[in-house]
Amino acid sequence: MAEINWTAESEQWLKDIHDYIAQDNPRAAIRLVASIYIFRLLGFFEANNIVILNHAFTKKTQKTPAREINIAEKRKREYLKEKSLT
């Protein structure tokens, strides 16, 4: 499984969003920050160790829904078709 490393810029962006929301509702700010980290990325490997990430969705269960996999597979086919035309 891949590890996502947040850049200093993205960490600052997240802190700024939290601080802005926390002015009115500290509990909502905590929930927002927690929910940002709960997502899944789907994609595939291409030549030369390139990873194409073609779908992201909010993680709600342990099992990846078939609908989300189908979206990623469709986008992969579309990407490869477009690439072969160029």
Protein backbone atom coordinates (compact mmCIF):
# COMPACT_ATOMS: atom_id res chain seq x y z
CA MET A 1 0.00 0.00 0.00
CA ALA A 2 1.27 3.45 -0.89
CA GLU A 3 1.97 6.08 1.71
CA ILE A 4 0.75 9.63 1.20
CA ASN A 5 3.12 12.30 2.42
CA TRP A 6 1.63 15.73 2.98
CA THR A 7 3.78 18.64 1.85
CA ALA A 8 4.39 21.60 4.14
CA GLU A 9 2.09 23.64 1.91
CA SER A 10 -0.76 21.14 2.19
CA GLU A 11 -0.30 20.89 5.96
CA GLN A 12 -0.56 24.69 6.19
CA TRP A 13 -3.64 24.66 3.95
CA LEU A 14 -5.28 22.09 6.22
CA LYS A 15 -4.41 24.12 9.33
CA ASP A 16 -5.81 27.29 7.74
CA ILE A 17 -9.09 25.55 6.91
CA HIS A 18 -9.32 24.14 10.43
CA ASP A 19 -8.63 27.51 12.04
CA TYR A 20 -11.18 29.28 9.83
CA ILE A 21 -13.96 26.80 10.60
CA ALA A 22 -13.00 26.56 14.28
CA GLN A 23 -13.76 30.25 14.74
CA ASP A 24 -17.47 29.41 14.49
CA ASN A 25 -17.60 25.71 15.31
CA PRO A 26 -14.56 23.91 16.78
CA ARG A 27 -16.27 20.50 16.66
CA ALA A 28 -17.03 20.84 12.95
CA ALA A 29 -13.42 21.78 12.30
CA ILE A 30 -12.17 18.60 13.97
CA ARG A 31 -14.63 16.45 11.98
CA LEU A 32 -13.60 18.14 8.74
CA VAL A 33 -9.91 17.55 9.33
CA ALA A 34 -10.52 13.93 10.29
CA SER A 35 -12.67 13.32 7.22
CA ILE A 36 -10.04 14.72 4.84
CA TYR A 37 -7.76 11.82 5.68
CA ILE A 38 -10.40 9.14 5.02
CA PHE A 39 -10.33 8.53 1.30
CA ARG A 40 -9.17 5.94 -1.18
CA LEU A 41 -7.35 6.38 -4.44
CA LEU A 42 -7.60 3.91 -7.30
CA GLY A 43 -5.31 3.74 -10.26
CA PHE A 44 -2.90 1.61 -12.21
CA PHE A 45 0.76 1.27 -13.13
CA GLU A 46 1.94 2.35 -16.53
CA ALA A 47 5.35 1.96 -18.19
CA ASN A 48 8.46 3.38 -16.53
CA ASN A 49 7.04 3.08 -13.00
CA ILE A 50 4.39 5.73 -13.59
CA VAL A 51 1.28 5.51 -11.45
CA ILE A 52 -1.93 6.89 -12.93
CA LEU A 53 -4.45 7.75 -10.21
CA ASN A 54 -7.80 7.88 -11.91
CA HIS A 55 -10.41 7.82 -9.15
CA ALA A 56 -10.79 8.98 -5.56
CA PHE A 57 -13.70 8.50 -3.20
CA THR A 58 -14.55 8.82 0.46
CA LYS A 59 -13.82 5.70 2.47
CA LYS A 60 -16.96 4.45 4.20
CA THR A 61 -16.39 0.71 4.54
CA GLN A 62 -13.48 -1.72 4.55
CA LYS A 63 -14.55 -3.26 1.24
CA THR A 64 -14.22 -1.18 -1.92
CA PRO A 65 -17.66 -0.91 -3.56
CA ALA A 66 -17.95 -2.45 -7.05
CA ARG A 67 -19.29 0.87 -8.34
CA GLU A 68 -16.03 2.63 -7.43
CA ILE A 69 -13.93 -0.11 -9.04
CA ASN A 70 -16.05 0.09 -12.19
CA ILE A 71 -15.49 3.84 -12.43
CA ALA A 72 -11.72 3.38 -12.14
CA GLU A 73 -11.70 0.57 -14.72
CA LYS A 74 -13.76 2.64 -17.17
CA ARG A 75 -11.42 5.60 -16.78
CA LYS A 76 -8.40 3.33 -17.31
CA ARG A 77 -9.88 2.02 -20.57
CA GLU A 78 -10.64 5.59 -21.69
CA TYR A 79 -7.13 6.75 -20.81
CA LEU A 80 -5.45 3.88 -22.65
CA LYS A 81 -7.71 4.37 -25.68
CA GLU A 82 -6.92 8.11 -25.84
CA LYS A 83 -3.22 7.41 -25.40
CA SER A 84 -3.18 4.90 -28.25
CA LEU A 85 -4.75 7.51 -30.56
CA THR A 86 -1.92 9.99 -30.01
